[in-house]
């Protein structure tokens, strides 16, 4: 076993949170080591989650656009695209992401250790690679950024070739005619959109009464409508009792007595933090039931010098937020004031997509805030009519008296891009954070961004009634 001393920071996990922390610390002159147990950097975000699923979504949208383009009807045959064909197409994107990230480690002189890292007492991290070689790194600070994995209940056989989770679905070698998705969270809804886009019949089982109930109710209802329109059957308020799989398919038995049968099952019911083999017991740390660690405003755990960021600390469990958590955590180690990720925009890559930031109508009503609504329906926008992407809307919530922008909710084409225009205005100090900006500013025409002008004028007209 080799001992290496003099490290300022050791980061375990090279996903968005770990990478951002390592780069920020290295740019401030710290001596930084990165430990990654996979052969390539990037974590689950690059290889299993965010990048693959969004690249797949793009491919499916291209198929849907081809099918719906009236110029191609009768001229070009509808392509017969299967799931394995789509998965094969995303390898180039993943490879490009790995090259970009590997270059950043090289340029910033962050030493990469390929192997499994674990705490070995305060100020010590042990690394073991596939050849069973071991190192002990002595360091002033440790940042745990090991991410999360799909939650797997013990009574479901994930070794069966027809039962998948959001990691293993990328290895599915066939294209099912019908599929059951158990769990209607963000990942479940995103994959429901992908598979219905390929013409599959989907049963989406939701253990709540509404889809994504953290969203504005109108946006949640719109998502439900479009999923059903695309061929998805949504079953609310259902809990599983058992899963039975055979050579021909999978039967999901629900506590209500329903029996659902399909060619395959995608289990998408939550995630667990990757904390099981981190050696937490050597420093007296204990994760919660979902494998997550508790941290303070500086992302420090109960043990001084040991920090945790990203999915390992739970909500919001978004790649965008994880990146900022890692960056803010490392910046605080370098002497900057502590910053905590706050008003994070929601990005949901269904078809159509969803994005929101700020408060919902329900939250404003509960808080007794006098608000008004401004709406722009995409079907009325010239840009949406040109592209054929007419489903969706932009919804602005603002204070009736001050006109302060309180919430932005978007459903439709480019929703995850559109939201940032409003987010920038919402973040301005008063009185520059009002919807007046949208009516006093000239937007390019035709664009999707001009939905802000349309929605703002619509909202002001409501005040003048």
Protein backbone atom coordinates (compact mmCIF):
# COMPACT_ATOMS: atom_id res chain seq x y z
CA UNK A 1 0.00 0.00 0.00
CA UNK A 2 1.34 3.39 -1.08
CA UNK A 3 0.82 6.49 1.04
CA UNK A 4 0.60 9.88 -0.64
CA UNK A 5 0.53 12.97 1.58
CA UNK A 6 0.22 16.71 1.06
CA UNK A 7 -3.17 16.80 -0.66
CA UNK A 8 -5.37 19.82 -0.06
CA UNK A 9 -8.51 18.18 -1.39
CA UNK A 10 -9.56 14.68 -2.38
CA UNK A 11 -12.83 14.34 -4.30
CA UNK A 12 -14.60 11.00 -4.61
CA UNK A 13 -16.82 10.88 -7.69
CA UNK A 14 -16.33 12.67 -11.04
CA UNK A 15 -19.96 13.54 -11.86
CA UNK A 16 -21.05 17.20 -12.19
CA UNK A 17 -20.68 17.95 -8.46
CA UNK A 18 -17.26 16.34 -8.06
CA UNK A 19 -15.88 17.76 -11.29
CA UNK A 20 -16.98 21.31 -10.45
CA UNK A 21 -15.45 21.06 -6.98
CA UNK A 22 -12.15 19.73 -8.30
CA UNK A 23 -11.83 22.38 -11.00
CA UNK A 24 -12.71 25.26 -8.67
CA UNK A 25 -10.21 24.14 -6.04
CA UNK A 26 -7.46 23.52 -8.59
CA UNK A 27 -7.88 27.00 -10.09
CA UNK A 28 -7.22 28.45 -6.63
CA UNK A 29 -3.93 26.60 -6.37
CA UNK A 30 -5.00 23.63 -4.29
CA UNK A 31 -3.41 20.24 -4.84
CA UNK A 32 -6.41 18.13 -5.84
CA UNK A 33 -6.96 14.41 -6.41
CA UNK A 34 -10.02 12.92 -8.09
CA UNK A 35 -11.08 9.33 -7.40
CA UNK A 36 -13.37 7.63 -9.93
CA UNK A 37 -14.24 3.94 -9.90
CA UNK A 38 -15.28 3.87 -13.57
CA UNK A 39 -12.81 3.68 -16.45
CA UNK A 40 -13.90 7.09 -17.73
CA UNK A 41 -14.77 10.32 -15.94
CA UNK A 42 -18.22 11.88 -15.97
CA UNK A 43 -20.14 9.74 -13.50
CA UNK A 44 -23.66 8.45 -14.00
CA UNK A 45 -24.70 11.83 -15.41
CA UNK A 46 -22.53 11.27 -18.50
CA UNK A 47 -22.78 7.51 -18.89
CA UNK A 48 -26.18 6.43 -17.56
CA UNK A 49 -28.47 9.34 -16.79
CA UNK A 50 -28.67 12.92 -17.99
CA UNK A 51 -26.61 12.82 -21.18
CA UNK A 52 -27.86 9.46 -22.55
CA UNK A 53 -31.53 10.14 -21.79
CA UNK A 54 -31.45 13.64 -23.30
CA UNK A 55 -29.58 12.40 -26.36
CA UNK A 56 -32.21 9.66 -26.74
CA UNK A 57 -34.95 12.27 -26.41
CA UNK A 58 -33.43 14.27 -29.25
CA UNK A 59 -33.35 11.20 -31.47
CA UNK A 60 -36.97 10.35 -30.66
CA UNK A 61 -38.05 13.92 -31.40
CA UNK A 62 -36.40 13.63 -34.80
CA UNK A 63 -38.42 10.48 -35.49
CA UNK A 64 -41.64 12.18 -34.39
CA UNK A 65 -40.93 15.24 -36.55
CA UNK A 66 -40.33 13.00 -39.55
CA UNK A 67 -43.61 11.21 -38.96
CA UNK A 68 -45.57 14.46 -38.62
CA UNK A 69 -43.98 16.44 -41.44
CA UNK A 70 -46.64 16.80 -44.19
CA UNK A 71 -43.95 17.36 -46.83
CA UNK A 72 -42.64 13.85 -46.26
CA UNK A 73 -45.99 12.07 -46.34
CA UNK A 74 -45.99 9.68 -49.28
CA UNK A 75 -42.50 10.78 -50.32
CA UNK A 76 -40.28 9.28 -47.65
CA UNK A 77 -41.05 6.06 -45.79
CA UNK A 78 -41.46 6.33 -42.03
CA UNK A 79 -38.22 4.95 -40.56
CA UNK A 80 -38.45 1.75 -38.58
CA UNK A 81 -36.40 2.75 -35.57
CA UNK A 82 -35.91 0.38 -32.65
CA UNK A 83 -34.62 1.02 -29.15
CA UNK A 84 -31.17 -0.56 -29.77
CA UNK A 85 -30.75 1.67 -32.85
CA UNK A 86 -31.30 4.79 -30.74
CA UNK A 87 -28.97 3.67 -27.96
CA UNK A 88 -26.18 3.01 -30.47
CA UNK A 89 -26.47 6.59 -31.74
CA UNK A 90 -25.71 8.20 -28.40
CA UNK A 91 -22.21 6.79 -27.98
CA UNK A 92 -20.69 9.68 -29.95
CA UNK A 93 -22.20 12.22 -27.56
CA UNK A 94 -20.96 10.35 -24.50
CA UNK A 95 -17.49 10.06 -26.05
CA UNK A 96 -17.38 13.78 -26.77
CA UNK A 97 -18.38 14.58 -23.19
CA UNK A 98 -15.67 12.29 -21.80
CA UNK A 99 -13.01 13.96 -23.99
CA UNK A 100 -14.02 17.43 -22.83
CA UNK A 101 -13.96 16.43 -19.18
CA UNK A 102 -10.72 14.46 -19.40
CA UNK A 103 -9.06 17.49 -20.98
CA UNK A 104 -10.17 19.69 -18.08
CA UNK A 105 -8.49 17.39 -15.54
CA UNK A 106 -5.28 17.40 -17.56
CA UNK A 107 -5.19 21.18 -18.04
CA UNK A 108 -5.87 21.91 -14.38
CA UNK A 109 -3.38 19.30 -13.12
CA UNK A 110 -5.93 17.35 -11.14
CA UNK A 111 -4.53 13.87 -10.59
CA UNK A 112 -6.99 11.12 -11.41
CA UNK A 113 -7.02 7.83 -9.49
CA UNK A 114 -9.07 5.09 -11.14
CA UNK A 115 -10.43 2.89 -8.39
CA UNK A 116 -12.91 2.70 -5.55
CA UNK A 117 -12.36 5.34 -2.88
CA UNK A 118 -13.42 5.13 0.73
CA UNK A 119 -12.72 7.04 3.92
CA UNK A 120 -10.10 5.50 6.16
CA UNK A 121 -10.45 7.81 9.14
CA UNK A 122 -10.34 11.60 9.29
CA UNK A 123 -7.96 13.08 6.74
CA UNK A 124 -7.33 9.76 4.99
CA UNK A 125 -8.85 8.27 1.82
CA UNK A 126 -8.08 4.75 0.66
CA UNK A 127 -8.17 3.84 -3.05
CA UNK A 128 -8.18 0.34 -4.51
CA UNK A 129 -8.10 -0.26 -8.27
CA UNK A 130 -9.17 -3.29 -10.33
CA UNK A 131 -5.69 -4.84 -9.97
CA UNK A 132 -6.09 -4.61 -6.16
CA UNK A 133 -3.37 -2.00 -5.88
CA UNK A 134 -3.96 0.35 -2.95
CA UNK A 135 -3.13 3.94 -2.10
CA UNK A 136 -3.80 6.01 0.99
CA UNK A 137 -4.17 9.73 0.32
CA UNK A 138 -3.65 12.07 3.26
CA UNK A 139 -5.63 15.26 2.79
CA UNK A 140 -6.93 18.36 4.54
CA UNK A 141 -10.40 18.15 2.98
CA UNK A 142 -12.58 15.45 1.41
CA UNK A 143 -15.61 16.06 -0.80
CA UNK A 144 -17.96 13.11 -1.29
CA UNK A 145 -19.71 13.35 -4.66
CA UNK A 146 -20.61 9.75 -5.39
CA UNK A 147 -24.09 10.45 -6.75
CA UNK A 148 -27.03 8.08 -6.62
CA UNK A 149 -28.43 4.92 -8.16
CA UNK A 150 -31.95 3.67 -8.86
CA UNK A 151 -33.73 2.41 -5.76
CA UNK A 152 -34.26 -1.36 -5.97
CA UNK A 153 -36.68 -3.08 -3.56
CA UNK A 154 -35.59 -6.55 -2.47
CA UNK A 155 -38.74 -8.27 -3.75
CA UNK A 156 -38.20 -7.31 -7.40
CA UNK A 157 -35.82 -9.49 -9.46
CA UNK A 158 -33.67 -7.01 -11.36
CA UNK A 159 -31.57 -9.85 -12.75
CA UNK A 160 -34.49 -10.91 -14.93
CA UNK A 161 -33.90 -9.91 -18.59
CA UNK A 162 -37.31 -8.19 -18.85
CA UNK A 163 -37.03 -6.04 -15.71
CA UNK A 164 -35.05 -2.80 -15.97
CA UNK A 165 -34.26 0.35 -14.06
CA UNK A 166 -33.13 3.71 -15.45
CA UNK A 167 -29.50 2.49 -15.57
CA UNK A 168 -30.03 -0.89 -17.19
CA UNK A 169 -32.69 0.28 -19.66
CA UNK A 170 -29.82 1.45 -21.87
CA UNK A 171 -28.82 -2.22 -22.24
CA UNK A 172 -32.25 -3.35 -23.44
CA UNK A 173 -31.55 -5.29 -26.64
CA UNK A 174 -35.14 -5.44 -27.94
CA UNK A 175 -37.97 -3.01 -28.65
CA UNK A 176 -41.04 -3.90 -26.56
CA UNK A 177 -44.52 -3.48 -28.05
CA UNK A 178 -45.79 -2.46 -24.61
CA UNK A 179 -44.05 -1.46 -21.42
CA UNK A 180 -45.00 -0.87 -17.79
CA UNK A 181 -43.27 2.02 -16.03
CA UNK A 182 -43.63 1.87 -12.27
CA UNK A 183 -42.99 5.28 -10.78
CA UNK A 184 -44.18 8.52 -12.37
CA UNK A 185 -41.52 10.88 -11.11
CA UNK A 186 -39.35 12.93 -13.42
CA UNK A 187 -37.44 9.94 -14.81
CA UNK A 188 -40.58 7.85 -15.26
CA UNK A 189 -42.39 10.63 -17.12
CA UNK A 190 -39.38 11.33 -19.33
CA UNK A 191 -39.07 7.71 -20.37
CA UNK A 192 -42.83 7.45 -20.89
CA UNK A 193 -42.49 10.26 -23.43
CA UNK A 194 -39.59 8.55 -25.16
CA UNK A 195 -41.32 5.21 -25.51
CA UNK A 196 -44.69 6.57 -26.60
CA UNK A 197 -42.78 8.57 -29.21
CA UNK A 198 -41.62 5.24 -30.63
CA UNK A 199 -45.21 4.00 -30.79
CA UNK A 200 -45.15 1.74 -27.74
CA UNK A 201 -48.17 1.28 -25.52
CA UNK A 202 -47.24 2.45 -22.03
CA UNK A 203 -48.81 1.87 -18.61
CA UNK A 204 -47.46 4.57 -16.30
CA UNK A 205 -48.18 3.67 -12.66
CA UNK A 206 -48.16 6.60 -10.26
CA UNK A 207 -48.37 6.14 -6.48
CA UNK A 208 -49.59 9.73 -6.09
CA UNK A 209 -52.83 11.38 -7.20
CA UNK A 210 -51.26 13.72 -9.76
CA UNK A 211 -48.22 13.65 -12.00
CA UNK A 212 -45.25 15.58 -10.61
CA UNK A 213 -47.32 17.32 -7.95
CA UNK A 214 -44.51 19.78 -7.19
CA UNK A 215 -45.33 21.48 -10.50
CA UNK A 216 -47.92 24.15 -11.09
CA UNK A 217 -51.23 22.26 -11.37
CA UNK A 218 -51.98 23.56 -14.86
CA UNK A 219 -48.60 22.34 -16.15
CA UNK A 220 -49.09 18.94 -14.49
CA UNK A 221 -52.52 18.62 -16.12
CA UNK A 222 -51.05 19.54 -19.52
CA UNK A 223 -48.40 16.84 -19.17
CA UNK A 224 -51.05 14.25 -18.28
CA UNK A 225 -53.13 15.23 -21.30
CA UNK A 226 -50.24 15.00 -23.76
CA UNK A 227 -48.97 11.68 -22.41
CA UNK A 228 -52.45 10.20 -22.78
CA UNK A 229 -52.74 11.68 -26.28
CA UNK A 230 -49.48 9.96 -27.21
CA UNK A 231 -50.77 6.56 -26.10
CA UNK A 232 -49.88 6.38 -22.42
CA UNK A 233 -52.33 5.01 -19.85
CA UNK A 234 -51.74 6.75 -16.49
CA UNK A 235 -52.83 4.94 -13.34
CA UNK A 236 -52.84 7.25 -10.31
CA UNK A 237 -52.87 6.29 -6.64
CA UNK A 238 -51.55 2.76 -7.18
CA UNK A 239 -48.99 0.77 -5.18
CA UNK A 240 -47.40 -2.46 -6.31
CA UNK A 241 -47.97 -5.71 -4.50
CA UNK A 242 -45.67 -7.98 -6.48
CA UNK A 243 -43.86 -8.40 -9.77
CA UNK A 244 -43.95 -11.67 -11.71
CA UNK A 245 -41.69 -12.16 -14.73
CA UNK A 246 -41.37 -15.02 -17.20
CA UNK A 247 -39.84 -15.64 -20.62
CA UNK A 248 -42.68 -13.83 -22.41
CA UNK A 249 -43.15 -10.73 -20.28
CA UNK A 250 -43.86 -9.18 -16.90
CA UNK A 251 -47.00 -9.01 -14.77
CA UNK A 252 -47.31 -6.19 -12.26
CA UNK A 253 -49.86 -6.93 -9.53
CA UNK A 254 -51.16 -3.82 -7.77
CA UNK A 255 -52.57 -3.56 -4.26
CA UNK A 256 -55.88 -2.47 -5.77
CA UNK A 257 -56.19 -5.90 -7.39
CA UNK A 258 -55.28 -4.78 -10.92
CA UNK A 259 -52.94 -6.95 -12.96
CA UNK A 260 -50.92 -5.26 -15.70
CA UNK A 261 -49.15 -7.32 -18.34
CA UNK A 262 -46.45 -6.09 -20.73
CA UNK A 263 -43.35 -7.18 -22.60
CA UNK A 264 -41.09 -5.47 -20.07
CA UNK A 265 -41.04 -3.39 -16.87
CA UNK A 266 -39.09 -0.21 -16.18
CA UNK A 267 -38.80 0.36 -12.43
CA UNK A 268 -38.47 4.08 -11.79
CA UNK A 269 -39.46 4.60 -8.18
CA UNK A 270 -36.85 6.83 -6.59
CA UNK A 271 -33.09 6.82 -6.13
CA UNK A 272 -30.65 6.06 -3.31
CA UNK A 273 -27.40 7.80 -2.46
CA UNK A 274 -24.20 5.87 -3.21
CA UNK A 275 -22.93 5.83 0.36
CA UNK A 276 -22.77 2.11 1.14
CA UNK A 277 -19.06 1.55 0.54
CA UNK A 278 -17.64 4.93 1.45
CA UNK A 279 -16.22 3.95 4.84
CA UNK A 280 -18.49 6.39 6.63
CA UNK A 281 -18.27 4.30 9.78
CA UNK A 282 -14.56 5.15 10.09
CA UNK A 283 -15.42 8.79 10.80
CA UNK A 284 -18.74 8.32 12.60
CA UNK A 285 -21.06 9.34 9.77
CA UNK A 286 -24.39 7.60 9.17
CA UNK A 287 -26.61 8.14 6.10
CA UNK A 288 -30.40 8.24 6.21
CA UNK A 289 -32.66 5.45 4.93
CA UNK A 290 -32.11 6.58 1.34
CA UNK A 291 -28.33 6.60 1.69
CA UNK A 292 -28.10 10.40 1.83
CA UNK A 293 -25.93 12.58 4.06
CA UNK A 294 -26.94 15.70 5.96
CA UNK A 295 -24.84 18.85 5.42
CA UNK A 296 -24.78 22.46 6.62
CA UNK A 297 -24.77 25.70 4.61
CA UNK A 298 -21.17 25.05 3.54
CA UNK A 299 -21.99 21.45 2.51
CA UNK A 300 -19.98 20.15 5.46
CA UNK A 301 -21.12 16.96 7.16
CA UNK A 302 -21.13 16.52 10.94
CA UNK A 303 -17.41 15.70 10.65
CA UNK A 304 -15.15 18.74 10.12
CA UNK A 305 -13.23 18.59 6.85
CA UNK A 306 -15.62 16.12 5.19
CA UNK A 307 -18.16 17.55 2.75
CA UNK A 308 -20.89 16.09 0.55
CA UNK A 309 -22.54 17.47 -2.59
CA UNK A 310 -24.84 16.40 -5.42
CA UNK A 311 -27.31 13.54 -5.31
CA UNK A 312 -25.61 12.21 -2.19
CA UNK A 313 -27.34 14.96 -0.17
CA UNK A 314 -30.75 14.55 -1.82
CA UNK A 315 -32.96 17.33 -3.15
CA UNK A 316 -32.96 18.78 -5.76
CA UNK A 317 -30.91 15.96 -7.33
CA UNK A 318 -30.39 17.81 -10.60
CA UNK A 319 -27.14 17.85 -12.59
CA UNK A 320 -27.36 21.64 -12.84
CA UNK A 321 -27.72 22.07 -9.08
CA UNK A 322 -25.07 19.46 -8.35
CA UNK A 323 -22.53 21.35 -10.44
CA UNK A 324 -23.15 24.55 -8.50
CA UNK A 325 -23.08 22.73 -5.17
CA UNK A 326 -19.64 21.36 -5.95
CA UNK A 327 -18.40 24.74 -7.12
CA UNK A 328 -19.79 26.63 -4.11
CA UNK A 329 -18.43 24.05 -1.70
CA UNK A 330 -14.90 24.28 -3.12
CA UNK A 331 -15.08 28.08 -3.26
CA UNK A 332 -15.85 28.18 0.48
CA UNK A 333 -12.79 25.99 1.11
CA UNK A 334 -10.77 28.58 -0.79
CA UNK A 335 -11.96 31.34 1.54
CA UNK A 336 -14.96 32.74 -0.30
CA UNK A 337 -18.25 33.39 1.55
CA UNK A 338 -20.50 30.34 1.78
CA UNK A 339 -23.18 30.11 -0.88
CA UNK A 340 -26.02 27.62 -1.07
CA UNK A 341 -27.90 26.56 -4.18
CA UNK A 342 -31.36 28.09 -3.94
CA UNK A 343 -33.93 29.00 -6.60
CA UNK A 344 -33.12 26.17 -9.00
CA UNK A 345 -35.11 25.95 -12.24
CA UNK A 346 -36.86 22.66 -12.84
CA UNK A 347 -35.97 21.03 -16.15
CA UNK A 348 -38.06 18.03 -17.19
CA UNK A 349 -37.25 16.55 -20.59
CA UNK A 350 -40.56 15.05 -21.51
CA UNK A 351 -42.00 15.56 -25.00
CA UNK A 352 -43.05 18.41 -24.85
CA UNK A 353 -40.63 19.61 -22.16
CA UNK A 354 -41.31 21.41 -18.89
CA UNK A 355 -39.39 24.02 -16.97
CA UNK A 356 -40.29 26.28 -14.08
CA UNK A 357 -38.73 28.55 -11.51
CA UNK A 358 -40.27 30.43 -8.62
CA UNK A 359 -43.57 29.78 -6.88
CA UNK A 360 -46.70 28.02 -8.09
CA UNK A 361 -50.28 29.28 -7.94
CA UNK A 362 -50.97 26.94 -5.03
CA UNK A 363 -48.01 28.25 -3.04
CA UNK A 364 -48.98 31.88 -3.66
CA UNK A 365 -52.58 31.20 -2.69
CA UNK A 366 -51.50 29.44 0.51
CA UNK A 367 -49.25 32.41 1.36
CA UNK A 368 -52.11 34.85 0.60
CA UNK A 369 -50.03 36.73 -1.95
CA UNK A 370 -52.20 38.80 -4.32
CA UNK A 371 -51.04 37.63 -7.73
CA UNK A 372 -52.20 37.65 -11.31
CA UNK A 373 -51.52 35.36 -14.28
CA UNK A 374 -50.22 36.17 -17.75
CA UNK A 375 -50.35 33.46 -20.43
CA UNK A 376 -48.98 32.94 -23.92
CA UNK A 377 -50.18 29.88 -25.83
CA UNK A 378 -47.60 28.58 -28.27
CA UNK A 379 -50.22 27.85 -30.93
CA UNK A 380 -50.55 31.63 -31.37
CA UNK A 381 -46.81 32.30 -31.80
CA UNK A 382 -45.43 32.64 -35.31
CA UNK A 383 -42.27 30.70 -34.45
CA UNK A 384 -44.27 27.75 -33.11
CA UNK A 385 -46.46 27.77 -36.21
CA UNK A 386 -43.35 27.71 -38.43
CA UNK A 387 -41.76 24.78 -36.58
CA UNK A 388 -45.03 22.93 -36.05
CA UNK A 389 -44.35 22.81 -32.30
CA UNK A 390 -47.65 24.39 -31.30
CA UNK A 391 -48.37 22.46 -28.10
CA UNK A 392 -47.61 24.34 -24.92
CA UNK A 393 -47.71 27.63 -23.10
CA UNK A 394 -45.72 30.12 -21.03
CA UNK A 395 -47.31 31.19 -17.76
CA UNK A 396 -46.13 34.15 -15.70
CA UNK A 397 -47.23 34.73 -12.10
CA UNK A 398 -46.75 38.27 -10.82
CA UNK A 399 -47.77 40.49 -7.91
CA UNK A 400 -50.90 42.49 -8.65
CA UNK A 401 -49.61 45.65 -6.97
CA UNK A 402 -45.84 45.71 -7.58
CA UNK A 403 -45.84 43.63 -10.82
CA UNK A 404 -42.92 41.65 -9.33
CA UNK A 405 -42.32 38.40 -11.19
CA UNK A 406 -43.09 35.55 -8.77
CA UNK A 407 -43.16 32.40 -10.88
CA UNK A 408 -42.43 31.19 -14.41
CA UNK A 409 -43.97 27.97 -15.71
CA UNK A 410 -43.40 26.72 -19.23
CA UNK A 411 -44.65 23.64 -21.04
CA UNK A 412 -43.69 22.97 -24.65
CA UNK A 413 -40.95 23.24 -27.23
CA UNK A 414 -37.67 24.64 -25.82
CA UNK A 415 -39.21 25.11 -22.36
CA UNK A 416 -35.88 24.44 -20.63
CA UNK A 417 -34.25 27.21 -22.69
CA UNK A 418 -37.10 29.72 -22.53
CA UNK A 419 -37.29 29.72 -18.72
CA UNK A 420 -33.88 31.35 -18.32
CA UNK A 421 -35.01 34.66 -19.83
CA UNK A 422 -37.52 35.11 -17.02
CA UNK A 423 -35.15 33.67 -14.43
CA UNK A 424 -32.67 36.47 -15.16
CA UNK A 425 -35.33 39.14 -14.65
CA UNK A 426 -36.70 37.51 -11.50
CA UNK A 427 -33.22 37.60 -9.95
CA UNK A 428 -32.84 41.38 -10.39
CA UNK A 429 -33.27 43.68 -7.37
CA UNK A 430 -36.54 45.55 -7.07
CA UNK A 431 -37.91 47.40 -9.04
CA UNK A 432 -36.09 45.74 -11.96
CA UNK A 433 -37.72 42.35 -11.36
CA UNK A 434 -41.16 43.15 -12.79
CA UNK A 435 -43.01 42.05 -15.93
CA UNK A 436 -42.61 45.60 -17.24
CA UNK A 437 -39.29 44.45 -18.68
CA UNK A 438 -41.09 42.20 -21.11
CA UNK A 439 -43.40 44.89 -22.47
CA UNK A 440 -40.70 47.56 -22.64
CA UNK A 441 -38.09 45.38 -24.39
CA UNK A 442 -38.08 44.47 -28.08
CA UNK A 443 -37.80 40.73 -28.74
CA UNK A 444 -36.61 39.17 -31.99
CA UNK A 445 -39.47 38.07 -34.20
CA UNK A 446 -40.38 35.33 -34.79
CA UNK A 447 -38.93 33.60 -31.72
CA UNK A 448 -40.18 31.48 -28.88
CA UNK A 449 -38.82 34.06 -26.42
CA UNK A 450 -41.41 36.61 -27.52
CA UNK A 451 -43.87 34.51 -25.52
CA UNK A 452 -42.74 36.66 -22.59
CA UNK A 453 -44.08 39.82 -24.24
CA UNK A 454 -47.36 38.12 -25.12
CA UNK A 455 -47.78 36.70 -21.61
CA UNK A 456 -46.89 39.98 -19.90
CA UNK A 457 -49.37 41.97 -21.95
CA UNK A 458 -52.00 39.31 -21.31
CA UNK A 459 -51.41 39.62 -17.58
CA UNK A 460 -51.52 43.43 -17.55
CA UNK A 461 -54.76 43.36 -19.51
CA UNK A 462 -56.29 41.30 -16.71
CA UNK A 463 -55.50 44.10 -14.26
CA UNK A 464 -57.30 46.64 -16.42
CA UNK A 465 -60.60 44.81 -16.57
